[in-house]
Amino acid sequence: MKTLVCSALFLLASSAAFSQDPHSHAVSKPVAVNLVNSQGQSVGTAYLSPAPTGVKITLDIKNLPPGAHSIHIHQHALCEPPDFKSAGAHFEAPGHSRGDHPAGDIPDFSLIVSPDGTAHVNTIAPYVTLGSDDHSVFSNGGTAIIVHAVAGGGAAPARIACGAITKPN
């Protein structure tokens, strides 16, 4: 009887190990991303951690212009000043089909920076993961968080801050 119970528990554990989804390899502790402005000066940190639906981004901002700014996840982990065009376009995962939104979009969110240049806020990037799948912010060597000069759609607003997202060692 003892052998039967042990065998059943082993089989149960083995099947659980083989049925894991790509998100199971997600980073367990927050990933810190240093954000820099066009002069290469630090303007804060973004902390990325797993969320039930995407990636939670905790922003601790300093020395940015007051007002509303949009943030997005961009294609490449490159933040070459002064314009951060090296980060490429918005991150788009293969096979992503969420209407008109690229995977790097963070819908219904504006980063509101106070008159003293600071902001402390959380948001969820719902279309990305910290795993090893195609929607991972670590895909193809990493991605970048871009802070735009203003919030809203239309023509792409200027990029005023950038942080390279790479998988921790």
N, C-alpha and C. Protein backbone atom coordinates (compact mmCIF):
# COMPACT_ATOMS: atom_id res chain seq x y z
N MET A 1 0.81 -1.19 0.00
CA MET A 1 0.00 0.00 0.00
C MET A 1 0.87 1.27 0.00
N LYS A 2 1.92 1.26 0.83
CA LYS A 2 2.82 2.42 0.93
C LYS A 2 3.47 2.68 -0.43
N THR A 3 3.87 1.61 -1.13
CA THR A 3 4.49 1.73 -2.45
C THR A 3 3.50 2.32 -3.44
N LEU A 4 2.25 1.91 -3.37
CA LEU A 4 1.22 2.41 -4.28
C LEU A 4 1.00 3.91 -4.07
N VAL A 5 0.93 4.36 -2.82
CA VAL A 5 0.73 5.77 -2.51
C VAL A 5 1.94 6.59 -2.99
N CYS A 6 3.14 6.09 -2.73
CA CYS A 6 4.35 6.80 -3.17
C CYS A 6 4.41 6.89 -4.69
N SER A 7 4.04 5.82 -5.38
CA SER A 7 4.03 5.82 -6.84
C SER A 7 3.02 6.82 -7.38
N ALA A 8 1.85 6.88 -6.77
CA ALA A 8 0.81 7.81 -7.21
C ALA A 8 1.28 9.26 -7.02
N LEU A 9 1.90 9.55 -5.88
CA LEU A 9 2.39 10.91 -5.64
C LEU A 9 3.49 11.27 -6.64
N PHE A 10 4.39 10.33 -6.96
CA PHE A 10 5.44 10.58 -7.94
C PHE A 10 4.84 10.88 -9.31
N LEU A 11 3.86 10.10 -9.73
CA LEU A 11 3.22 10.33 -11.03
C LEU A 11 2.52 11.68 -11.07
N LEU A 12 1.85 12.04 -9.98
CA LEU A 12 1.17 13.33 -9.92
C LEU A 12 2.18 14.48 -10.03
N ALA A 13 3.29 14.38 -9.29
CA ALA A 13 4.31 15.43 -9.35
C ALA A 13 4.95 15.49 -10.73
N SER A 14 5.20 14.34 -11.35
CA SER A 14 5.80 14.31 -12.69
C SER A 14 4.88 14.94 -13.72
N SER A 15 3.59 14.65 -13.66
CA SER A 15 2.67 15.23 -14.65
C SER A 15 2.55 16.73 -14.46
N ALA A 16 2.61 17.20 -13.23
CA ALA A 16 2.55 18.65 -13.00
C ALA A 16 3.79 19.33 -13.58
N ALA A 17 4.93 18.69 -13.45
CA ALA A 17 6.17 19.28 -13.98
C ALA A 17 6.15 19.38 -15.49
N PHE A 18 5.54 18.41 -16.17
CA PHE A 18 5.53 18.42 -17.63
C PHE A 18 4.39 19.22 -18.23
N SER A 19 3.43 19.65 -17.43
CA SER A 19 2.29 20.39 -17.98
C SER A 19 2.38 21.88 -17.73
N GLN A 20 3.55 22.35 -17.33
CA GLN A 20 3.69 23.78 -17.04
C GLN A 20 3.61 24.60 -18.32
N ASP A 21 3.06 25.79 -18.20
CA ASP A 21 2.97 26.69 -19.35
C ASP A 21 4.23 27.55 -19.44
N PRO A 22 4.40 28.30 -20.51
CA PRO A 22 5.61 29.10 -20.68
C PRO A 22 5.81 30.14 -19.59
N HIS A 23 4.74 30.55 -18.93
CA HIS A 23 4.85 31.57 -17.90
C HIS A 23 5.50 31.02 -16.63
N SER A 24 5.60 29.68 -16.52
CA SER A 24 6.13 29.08 -15.31
C SER A 24 7.61 29.40 -15.11
N HIS A 25 8.30 29.77 -16.14
CA HIS A 25 9.72 30.11 -16.02
C HIS A 25 9.90 31.60 -15.78
N ALA A 26 8.87 32.25 -15.31
CA ALA A 26 8.93 33.68 -15.08
C ALA A 26 9.89 34.01 -13.95
N VAL A 27 10.47 35.18 -14.02
CA VAL A 27 11.34 35.68 -12.98
C VAL A 27 10.49 35.87 -11.73
N SER A 28 10.99 35.42 -10.57
CA SER A 28 10.18 35.47 -9.37
C SER A 28 10.34 36.77 -8.57
N LYS A 29 11.52 37.39 -8.61
CA LYS A 29 11.67 38.65 -7.89
C LYS A 29 11.64 39.81 -8.88
N PRO A 30 11.28 41.00 -8.42
CA PRO A 30 11.18 42.14 -9.35
C PRO A 30 12.48 42.42 -10.09
N VAL A 31 12.32 42.81 -11.35
CA VAL A 31 13.45 43.20 -12.19
C VAL A 31 13.52 44.72 -12.15
N ALA A 32 14.67 45.27 -11.75
CA ALA A 32 14.85 46.72 -11.67
C ALA A 32 15.40 47.23 -13.00
N VAL A 33 14.75 48.27 -13.53
CA VAL A 33 15.16 48.87 -14.80
C VAL A 33 15.46 50.34 -14.54
N ASN A 34 16.70 50.75 -14.78
CA ASN A 34 17.09 52.15 -14.60
C ASN A 34 16.61 52.96 -15.80
N LEU A 35 15.89 54.02 -15.55
CA LEU A 35 15.41 54.92 -16.61
C LEU A 35 16.34 56.12 -16.69
N VAL A 36 16.76 56.46 -17.91
CA VAL A 36 17.64 57.61 -18.11
C VAL A 36 17.01 58.60 -19.08
N ASN A 37 17.40 59.87 -18.94
CA ASN A 37 16.92 60.91 -19.86
C ASN A 37 17.91 61.05 -21.02
N SER A 38 17.66 62.01 -21.88
CA SER A 38 18.49 62.18 -23.09
C SER A 38 19.92 62.61 -22.78
N GLN A 39 20.19 63.06 -21.55
CA GLN A 39 21.56 63.39 -21.14
C GLN A 39 22.25 62.21 -20.45
N GLY A 40 21.55 61.06 -20.37
CA GLY A 40 22.11 59.88 -19.72
C GLY A 40 21.99 59.87 -18.21
N GLN A 41 21.24 60.84 -17.66
CA GLN A 41 21.06 60.93 -16.21
C GLN A 41 19.88 60.07 -15.77
N SER A 42 20.02 59.42 -14.62
CA SER A 42 18.94 58.60 -14.10
C SER A 42 17.74 59.47 -13.73
N VAL A 43 16.56 59.04 -14.18
CA VAL A 43 15.32 59.75 -13.83
C VAL A 43 14.35 58.82 -13.12
N GLY A 44 14.89 57.72 -12.61
CA GLY A 44 14.04 56.82 -11.83
C GLY A 44 14.26 55.36 -12.16
N THR A 45 13.39 54.57 -11.58
CA THR A 45 13.48 53.12 -11.73
C THR A 45 12.09 52.56 -11.99
N ALA A 46 12.04 51.56 -12.84
CA ALA A 46 10.83 50.78 -13.06
C ALA A 46 11.11 49.38 -12.53
N TYR A 47 10.21 48.88 -11.70
CA TYR A 47 10.34 47.53 -11.16
C TYR A 47 9.29 46.67 -11.83
N LEU A 48 9.71 45.59 -12.48
CA LEU A 48 8.80 44.70 -13.18
C LEU A 48 8.64 43.42 -12.38
N SER A 49 7.40 43.00 -12.17
CA SER A 49 7.13 41.76 -11.45
C SER A 49 5.93 41.07 -12.09
N PRO A 50 5.85 39.74 -11.91
CA PRO A 50 4.73 39.01 -12.51
C PRO A 50 3.39 39.46 -11.93
N ALA A 51 2.38 39.47 -12.77
CA ALA A 51 1.01 39.77 -12.35
C ALA A 51 0.11 38.69 -12.95
N PRO A 52 -1.06 38.49 -12.37
CA PRO A 52 -1.96 37.45 -12.91
C PRO A 52 -2.28 37.66 -14.40
N THR A 53 -2.34 38.90 -14.83
CA THR A 53 -2.61 39.19 -16.24
C THR A 53 -1.55 40.15 -16.76
N GLY A 54 -0.35 39.65 -17.00
CA GLY A 54 0.70 40.49 -17.57
C GLY A 54 1.83 40.75 -16.61
N VAL A 55 2.37 41.97 -16.69
CA VAL A 55 3.51 42.37 -15.87
C VAL A 55 3.14 43.64 -15.11
N LYS A 56 3.36 43.60 -13.80
CA LYS A 56 3.16 44.79 -12.98
C LYS A 56 4.40 45.66 -13.11
N ILE A 57 4.19 46.94 -13.37
CA ILE A 57 5.29 47.90 -13.46
C ILE A 57 5.10 48.93 -12.35
N THR A 58 6.06 49.00 -11.46
CA THR A 58 6.07 50.00 -10.39
C THR A 58 7.08 51.06 -10.78
N LEU A 59 6.63 52.28 -10.94
CA LEU A 59 7.49 53.38 -11.37
C LEU A 59 7.82 54.29 -10.20
N ASP A 60 9.10 54.57 -10.03
CA ASP A 60 9.59 55.51 -9.03
C ASP A 60 10.38 56.55 -9.82
N ILE A 61 9.72 57.67 -10.14
CA ILE A 61 10.23 58.67 -11.08
C ILE A 61 10.73 59.91 -10.35
N LYS A 62 11.79 60.51 -10.90
CA LYS A 62 12.32 61.79 -10.40
C LYS A 62 12.84 62.59 -11.58
N ASN A 63 12.77 63.89 -11.48
CA ASN A 63 13.36 64.79 -12.48
C ASN A 63 12.83 64.64 -13.90
N LEU A 64 11.54 64.37 -14.03
CA LEU A 64 10.90 64.40 -15.35
C LEU A 64 9.99 65.62 -15.42
N PRO A 65 9.67 66.10 -16.61
CA PRO A 65 8.78 67.25 -16.73
C PRO A 65 7.39 66.92 -16.16
N PRO A 66 6.81 67.85 -15.43
CA PRO A 66 5.46 67.63 -14.88
C PRO A 66 4.44 67.43 -16.00
N GLY A 67 3.39 66.70 -15.66
CA GLY A 67 2.30 66.49 -16.61
C GLY A 67 2.08 65.02 -16.91
N ALA A 68 1.25 64.78 -17.93
CA ALA A 68 0.88 63.42 -18.33
C ALA A 68 1.81 62.91 -19.42
N HIS A 69 2.29 61.70 -19.24
CA HIS A 69 3.19 61.05 -20.19
C HIS A 69 2.68 59.65 -20.48
N SER A 70 2.91 59.15 -21.68
CA SER A 70 2.58 57.75 -21.95
C SER A 70 3.86 56.94 -21.81
N ILE A 71 3.68 55.66 -21.48
CA ILE A 71 4.82 54.73 -21.46
C ILE A 71 4.43 53.51 -22.28
N HIS A 72 5.44 52.93 -22.90
CA HIS A 72 5.24 51.72 -23.71
C HIS A 72 6.47 50.85 -23.58
N ILE A 73 6.29 49.60 -23.94
CA ILE A 73 7.42 48.69 -24.05
C ILE A 73 7.79 48.63 -25.52
N HIS A 74 9.06 48.88 -25.81
CA HIS A 74 9.54 48.94 -27.19
C HIS A 74 10.41 47.72 -27.52
N GLN A 75 10.64 47.53 -28.79
CA GLN A 75 11.19 46.31 -29.38
C GLN A 75 12.59 45.91 -28.92
N HIS A 76 13.51 46.83 -28.68
CA HIS A 76 14.92 46.49 -28.43
C HIS A 76 15.40 47.05 -27.09
N ALA A 77 16.32 46.32 -26.46
CA ALA A 77 16.91 46.74 -25.18
C ALA A 77 18.06 47.71 -25.42
N LEU A 78 17.78 48.76 -26.19
CA LEU A 78 18.78 49.78 -26.52
C LEU A 78 18.23 51.16 -26.17
N CYS A 79 19.02 51.92 -25.45
CA CYS A 79 18.59 53.26 -25.04
C CYS A 79 19.68 54.27 -25.39
N GLU A 80 19.88 54.50 -26.67
CA GLU A 80 20.91 55.43 -27.11
C GLU A 80 20.33 56.84 -27.19
N PRO A 81 20.88 57.76 -26.36
CA PRO A 81 20.40 59.14 -26.40
C PRO A 81 20.84 59.81 -27.69
N PRO A 82 20.27 60.91 -28.08
CA PRO A 82 19.31 61.67 -27.29
C PRO A 82 17.84 61.30 -27.56
N ASP A 83 17.56 60.56 -28.64
CA ASP A 83 16.14 60.36 -29.00
C ASP A 83 15.61 58.95 -28.71
N PHE A 84 16.47 58.03 -28.31
CA PHE A 84 16.10 56.66 -27.97
C PHE A 84 15.41 55.90 -29.10
N LYS A 85 15.64 56.34 -30.34
CA LYS A 85 15.08 55.63 -31.50
C LYS A 85 15.65 54.22 -31.60
N SER A 86 16.80 53.99 -30.96
CA SER A 86 17.43 52.66 -30.97
C SER A 86 16.53 51.60 -30.33
N ALA A 87 15.57 52.01 -29.52
CA ALA A 87 14.64 51.06 -28.88
C ALA A 87 13.63 50.50 -29.88
N GLY A 88 13.56 51.09 -31.07
CA GLY A 88 12.65 50.61 -32.09
C GLY A 88 11.20 50.97 -31.83
N ALA A 89 10.33 50.29 -32.55
CA ALA A 89 8.88 50.51 -32.44
C ALA A 89 8.34 49.80 -31.19
N HIS A 90 7.04 49.95 -30.98
CA HIS A 90 6.40 49.24 -29.87
C HIS A 90 6.64 47.75 -30.01
N PHE A 91 6.86 47.09 -28.89
CA PHE A 91 7.07 45.64 -28.87
C PHE A 91 5.84 44.94 -29.44
N GLU A 92 6.08 44.07 -30.40
CA GLU A 92 5.00 43.29 -31.01
C GLU A 92 5.39 41.82 -30.98
N ALA A 93 4.63 41.03 -30.25
CA ALA A 93 4.91 39.61 -30.13
C ALA A 93 4.33 38.86 -31.32
N PRO A 94 5.03 37.86 -31.82
CA PRO A 94 4.49 37.04 -32.92
C PRO A 94 3.15 36.42 -32.52
N GLY A 95 2.20 36.49 -33.42
CA GLY A 95 0.90 35.90 -33.15
C GLY A 95 0.02 36.67 -32.19
N HIS A 96 0.46 37.83 -31.76
CA HIS A 96 -0.32 38.64 -30.83
C HIS A 96 -1.56 39.17 -31.54
N SER A 97 -2.72 38.95 -30.96
CA SER A 97 -3.95 39.45 -31.58
C SER A 97 -4.86 40.03 -30.52
N ARG A 98 -4.61 41.26 -30.17
CA ARG A 98 -5.41 41.98 -29.18
C ARG A 98 -6.00 43.23 -29.82
N GLY A 99 -6.63 43.07 -30.94
CA GLY A 99 -7.22 44.22 -31.61
C GLY A 99 -6.16 45.11 -32.20
N ASP A 100 -6.26 46.40 -31.92
CA ASP A 100 -5.33 47.38 -32.48
C ASP A 100 -4.12 47.64 -31.59
N HIS A 101 -3.98 46.90 -30.52
CA HIS A 101 -2.92 47.17 -29.55
C HIS A 101 -1.71 46.27 -29.75
N PRO A 102 -0.51 46.85 -29.97
CA PRO A 102 0.70 46.02 -29.95
C PRO A 102 0.90 45.45 -28.54
N ALA A 103 1.67 44.38 -28.43
CA ALA A 103 1.91 43.76 -27.13
C ALA A 103 2.53 44.75 -26.13
N GLY A 104 3.30 45.72 -26.62
CA GLY A 104 3.96 46.68 -25.74
C GLY A 104 3.09 47.82 -25.24
N ASP A 105 1.84 47.85 -25.66
CA ASP A 105 0.93 48.91 -25.20
C ASP A 105 0.52 48.69 -23.74
N ILE A 106 0.28 49.79 -23.07
CA ILE A 106 -0.25 49.78 -21.71
C ILE A 106 -1.51 50.63 -21.75
N PRO A 107 -2.65 50.01 -22.10
CA PRO A 107 -3.88 50.78 -22.32
C PRO A 107 -4.39 51.46 -21.06
N ASP A 108 -5.08 52.56 -21.29
CA ASP A 108 -5.76 53.30 -20.21
C ASP A 108 -4.83 53.71 -19.07
N PHE A 109 -3.60 54.10 -19.42
CA PHE A 109 -2.67 54.54 -18.39
C PHE A 109 -1.88 55.74 -18.88
N SER A 110 -1.80 56.74 -18.03
CA SER A 110 -0.91 57.88 -18.24
C SER A 110 -0.07 58.04 -16.99
N LEU A 111 1.22 58.24 -17.19
CA LEU A 111 2.12 58.53 -16.08
C LEU A 111 1.96 60.01 -15.76
N ILE A 112 1.43 60.30 -14.58
CA ILE A 112 1.23 61.70 -14.17
C ILE A 112 2.38 62.09 -13.25
N VAL A 113 3.21 63.01 -13.75
CA VAL A 113 4.35 63.49 -12.99
C VAL A 113 3.95 64.79 -12.29
N SER A 114 4.20 64.85 -11.00
CA SER A 114 3.80 66.01 -10.20
C SER A 114 4.69 67.23 -10.50
N PRO A 115 4.28 68.41 -10.03
CA PRO A 115 5.07 69.63 -10.29
C PRO A 115 6.52 69.54 -9.81
N ASP A 116 6.80 68.69 -8.82
CA ASP A 116 8.20 68.56 -8.36
C ASP A 116 9.00 67.53 -9.18
N GLY A 117 8.41 67.01 -10.26
CA GLY A 117 9.12 66.10 -11.16
C GLY A 117 9.12 64.64 -10.74
N THR A 118 8.28 64.29 -9.75
CA THR A 118 8.26 62.92 -9.26
C THR A 118 6.93 62.23 -9.55
N ALA A 119 6.98 60.92 -9.52
CA ALA A 119 5.77 60.09 -9.62
C ALA A 119 6.08 58.74 -8.99
N HIS A 120 5.12 58.20 -8.30
CA HIS A 120 5.23 56.88 -7.68
C HIS A 120 3.91 56.18 -7.97
N VAL A 121 3.93 55.25 -8.92
CA VAL A 121 2.69 54.66 -9.40
C VAL A 121 2.92 53.23 -9.89
N ASN A 122 1.84 52.46 -9.89
CA ASN A 122 1.85 51.09 -10.43
C ASN A 122 0.90 51.01 -11.61
N THR A 123 1.23 50.15 -12.55
CA THR A 123 0.33 49.85 -13.65
C THR A 123 0.58 48.41 -14.08
N ILE A 124 -0.27 47.92 -14.96
CA ILE A 124 -0.11 46.58 -15.50
C ILE A 124 0.06 46.68 -17.02
N ALA A 125 1.09 46.01 -17.53
CA ALA A 125 1.26 45.83 -18.97
C ALA A 125 0.62 44.47 -19.28
N PRO A 126 -0.63 44.48 -19.78
CA PRO A 126 -1.40 43.23 -19.84
C PRO A 126 -1.02 42.26 -20.94
N TYR A 127 -0.26 42.69 -21.92
CA TYR A 127 0.00 41.84 -23.08
C TYR A 127 1.40 41.24 -23.11
N VAL A 128 2.17 41.40 -22.02
CA VAL A 128 3.53 40.88 -21.96
C VAL A 128 3.70 40.00 -20.72
N THR A 129 4.82 39.26 -20.69
CA THR A 129 5.13 38.40 -19.56
C THR A 129 6.60 38.57 -19.17
N LEU A 130 6.97 37.94 -18.07
CA LEU A 130 8.36 37.85 -17.65
C LEU A 130 8.86 36.42 -17.86
N GLY A 131 8.19 35.67 -18.70
CA GLY A 131 8.52 34.26 -18.93
C GLY A 131 9.49 34.05 -20.06
N SER A 132 9.36 32.89 -20.69
CA SER A 132 10.24 32.54 -21.80
C SER A 132 9.46 32.39 -23.10
N ASP A 133 8.24 32.88 -23.13
CA ASP A 133 7.38 32.79 -24.31
C ASP A 133 7.60 33.99 -25.24
N ASP A 134 6.87 34.01 -26.37
CA ASP A 134 7.02 35.09 -27.35
C ASP A 134 6.57 36.45 -26.84
N HIS A 135 5.75 36.48 -25.80
CA HIS A 135 5.26 37.74 -25.23
C HIS A 135 6.17 38.26 -24.11
N SER A 136 7.29 37.60 -23.88
CA SER A 136 8.18 37.98 -22.80
C SER A 136 8.95 39.26 -23.12
N VAL A 137 9.08 40.11 -22.11
CA VAL A 137 9.88 41.34 -22.28
C VAL A 137 11.36 41.01 -22.45
N PHE A 138 11.74 39.74 -22.24
CA PHE A 138 13.12 39.30 -22.42
C PHE A 138 13.36 38.71 -23.81
N SER A 139 12.33 38.70 -24.67
CA SER A 139 12.45 38.13 -26.02
C SER A 139 13.55 38.81 -26.81
N ASN A 140 14.24 38.05 -27.62
CA ASN A 140 15.27 38.57 -28.54
C ASN A 140 16.30 39.46 -27.86
N GLY A 141 16.71 39.12 -26.66
CA GLY A 141 17.73 39.90 -25.97
C GLY A 141 17.19 41.03 -25.12
N GLY A 142 15.89 41.20 -25.07
CA GLY A 142 15.27 42.20 -24.22
C GLY A 142 14.52 43.28 -24.96
N THR A 143 13.87 44.13 -24.21
CA THR A 143 13.04 45.22 -24.72
C THR A 143 13.41 46.49 -23.95
N ALA A 144 12.62 47.54 -24.11
CA ALA A 144 12.89 48.78 -23.38
C ALA A 144 11.57 49.43 -22.96
N ILE A 145 11.60 50.11 -21.84
CA ILE A 145 10.49 50.96 -21.42
C ILE A 145 10.82 52.36 -21.91
N ILE A 146 9.87 52.95 -22.63
CA ILE A 146 10.03 54.33 -23.11
C ILE A 146 9.00 55.21 -22.43
N VAL A 147 9.43 56.36 -21.95
CA VAL A 147 8.52 57.40 -21.45
C VAL A 147 8.46 58.45 -22.54
N HIS A 148 7.23 58.76 -22.98
CA HIS A 148 7.02 59.77 -24.02
C HIS A 148 6.74 61.13 -23.40
N ALA A 149 7.00 62.18 -24.16
CA ALA A 149 6.87 63.56 -23.68
C ALA A 149 5.44 63.89 -23.26
N VAL A 150 4.47 63.32 -23.94
CA VAL A 150 3.06 63.59 -23.63
C VAL A 150 2.29 62.28 -23.67
N ALA A 151 1.09 62.32 -23.14
CA ALA A 151 0.20 61.15 -23.17
C ALA A 151 -0.67 61.23 -24.41
N GLY A 152 -1.23 60.09 -24.76
CA GLY A 152 -2.20 60.09 -25.85
C GLY A 152 -1.67 59.46 -27.11
N GLY A 153 -2.56 59.29 -28.05
CA GLY A 153 -2.24 58.63 -29.32
C GLY A 153 -1.82 59.63 -30.37
N GLY A 154 -2.14 59.29 -31.60
CA GLY A 154 -1.76 60.15 -32.72
C GLY A 154 -0.32 59.92 -33.10
N ALA A 155 0.32 60.95 -33.61
CA ALA A 155 1.73 60.85 -34.00
C ALA A 155 2.56 60.50 -32.77
N ALA A 156 3.60 59.73 -32.99
CA ALA A 156 4.44 59.28 -31.87
C ALA A 156 5.10 60.47 -31.19
N PRO A 157 4.77 60.69 -29.90
CA PRO A 157 5.40 61.80 -29.18
C PRO A 157 6.87 61.53 -28.92
N ALA A 158 7.63 62.58 -28.68
CA ALA A 158 9.06 62.46 -28.41
C ALA A 158 9.30 61.51 -27.24
N ARG A 159 10.43 60.85 -27.30
CA ARG A 159 10.85 59.92 -26.25
C ARG A 159 11.77 60.69 -25.30
N ILE A 160 11.39 60.76 -24.02
CA ILE A 160 12.17 61.57 -23.08
C ILE A 160 12.94 60.74 -22.06
N ALA A 161 12.62 59.45 -21.95
CA ALA A 161 13.35 58.58 -21.03
C ALA A 161 13.27 57.15 -21.54
N CYS A 162 14.28 56.38 -21.17
CA CYS A 162 14.36 55.00 -21.67
C CYS A 162 15.04 54.14 -20.62
N GLY A 163 14.60 52.89 -20.54
CA GLY A 163 15.24 51.90 -19.67
C GLY A 163 15.28 50.56 -20.36
N ALA A 164 16.47 49.97 -20.49
CA ALA A 164 16.62 48.67 -21.14
C ALA A 164 16.19 47.56 -20.20
N ILE A 165 15.34 46.66 -20.70
CA ILE A 165 14.85 45.52 -19.92
C ILE A 165 15.60 44.28 -20.40
N THR A 166 16.43 43.72 -19.55
CA THR A 166 17.14 42.50 -19.89
C THR A 166 16.96 41.49 -18.77
N LYS A 167 17.07 40.23 -19.13
CA LYS A 167 16.88 39.15 -18.15
C LYS A 167 18.01 39.18 -17.14
N PRO A 168 17.65 39.14 -15.84
CA PRO A 168 18.71 39.14 -14.82
C PRO A 168 19.51 37.84 -14.89
N ASN A 169 20.75 37.91 -14.49
CA ASN A 169 21.61 36.71 -14.50
C ASN A 169 21.28 35.79 -13.38
